[in-house]
Amino acid sequence: MVDIYIIDLFIIGSLLLFVTLLSGWISRLPLSFAIIYLMVGILLGPYGFGLIQLRRDEVFNAEILERLTEFVVIISVFSCGLKIIRPLNFRAWNITTRLIVFLMPISIFGLAVAGKFFLGMDWGEAILLGAILAPTDPVLASEVQLTDTSDRDELRFGLTSEGGLNDALAFPFVYFGIYALKDNNWKSWFQYWVFVDLIWAIVVGLVMGFIVAKAIVWVDKKIQKIRRVDSIMEDFLALGTILLTYSLTEIVNGYGFLAVFIAGLVVQRSYRNSEKPLAQLEFIERLEKLLEVGTILILGTILLVQPMLNYATQSLLVIVLLFLIIRPIGVWISTIGGHLQKPYRRAWYPGTRLLLGWFGIRGVGSLYYLSYAFGKGLEGEIGEQVSWITYTTIVVSVLVHGISATPLMNWYERNVSHRQNASPPATIDEFE
C-alpha cells in the first residue's frame, strides 16, 4: 500500500510540471493559474480523492492557514515594494493615496452596512467582515500588477501599490472588529485602539521598515567590499530582510506587513547597481509563485459544499455588492479630479478607472485576516457566517477575476494603455 503522502507528492509534482510546461499557453487563455490550483485542491480534498485531510470532524485548524498565509503575504508585499521605482512623495503616489485614504474606508464601511442591515450582524461583526474582505490581494493579482521595474503603467502601479499597502492598513479595522466582538462598550477600548492600533502600529511599521532595511543594506555593502558573498547564497539576502523586518516590527507592536512593503521600496532604492534588487525580485517572485500553489491548494481542500450552500444567499449578496457596486463606485469617487503624472497632466481614461474598479481581487490576504480573527476570538455561529462568506467570495474572485484578467488586460493594452502613455515614460526626476 503506497503512503498517501507519497501520492500527494506525486500529484503536486505533476501539477507543477504541468503548469510550468504549459505556462506559455495558459498565460494566453482566459484562465489563471490559481483556478487550476483551486480545482486540483478540491480534487485532493474530501470531495475528490481525499488525499489531503486538513479537517477533522468538520473542524479546521485555522492556525495552519494563518501561518501559511502570513508568510505568503509578507513575501508578496516585499515583492510589490521591489517592483516600484517612484520617489516617496505625494505627487508620485497620488493614485495610491486616493485608493488607501478613500477607497479602503468606503469598502469597509459599505460591507459593514451590508452586514448590519442585510446579514443581521452587530456593528462589530459587520466591521470585521468588511475589514477581512476590503484588502485587495497582492498574491493572486500578478496578471494585473507591474510586470517589472521598468513598467510605468499607471493602472498597474495603482493596483500593485494598493495591494502592497492595504493588506497592512486594513489591520486597524480588523482589531476594531475583534474588540467590538468581545466588548460592545466602545468607550472602554476605543482610545487604546486609536493610539496603539491606529497611530502607533502604523508609524512603527513605517519607521521599522526603513531602518531595518537600511541597516541590512549597509551591512551587506560593507561585507561585500571585504569579500564577495557566494552568488548562490546571495538570493537569501532578500528572504533574510523580509523575516528580520517583519519579526522586529512585530516585536515592538508595529504592522509587519507595512514594514516589509517599505523595506522592499528601500532595498530597491539603496543599490546603485540595479541588477541586485532585480535579482532579489526574481528570487522572491519564484518563491511567491510556489507559495501560491500551496495556499490555493489548501483553500480547495477545506471547502465544504453544505456550509457554502447554507450561506450562499448571503455570500452572493456580499459578492454582488463588493464587486459590482461598492468597489467600482468607491474607485470612481476616489479618482475624482485625479490625473496622470507628469508629463501627461491629463485625466484618467474612463476605461482605466473601470478596470481599476473591477480588479479588486480577493485572496490570500483575506484568508490571513479570517484565520487571524479565529485565533483572537471569532467563533460560533458568527464565525461560521463570516468564514463561509469569506471563502465563497475568494473562490468567486479566483474564478471571475482569473477568467477576465487576460482578455481585459489585452483590451487595455490595445485600446487604452498606448494612448494613455503616449508621451515618453516619466522618469523619477520628472516627478520631483
Foldseek 3Di string as FASTA:
>chain_A
DDDLVVVVVVVVVVLVVVCVVCVVVQLQALFASLLVLLVVLLLCAPNHPNSDDQDDPLDHQLVVLQVLLVVLLLLLLLLLLQQEDADPDCQRCVLQCLCQVFQLVLQLVLQLVCCVPPVVDDSLLSSLLSLLFRQFASQRCCLQARVGNVDPFPLNNNVSSSNLPSLQQSFLSNVSSLVCVVPVPCVVCVVVSCVQVNPVQAVLLLVLLQVLLVVLLVVQVVVCVVPNDDPVCLLCSLVVSSVVSQVVSVVVRHRSSSSSSSSSNNVCPPDPPNVSSRSNSVSSSVVSVVSSSVSSSNLSNSDDDPLLVVLVVVLVVSLCCQQPNRQLVSLVVSQVVHPDHPPVPGGADPLSSNVSSRNRQDDSSSSNSLSVSVVSDQDDPSNSNSVSSNSVSNSVSSPPCSSVSNVSVVCCVVPPRCVSCVDPDDDNVRSD
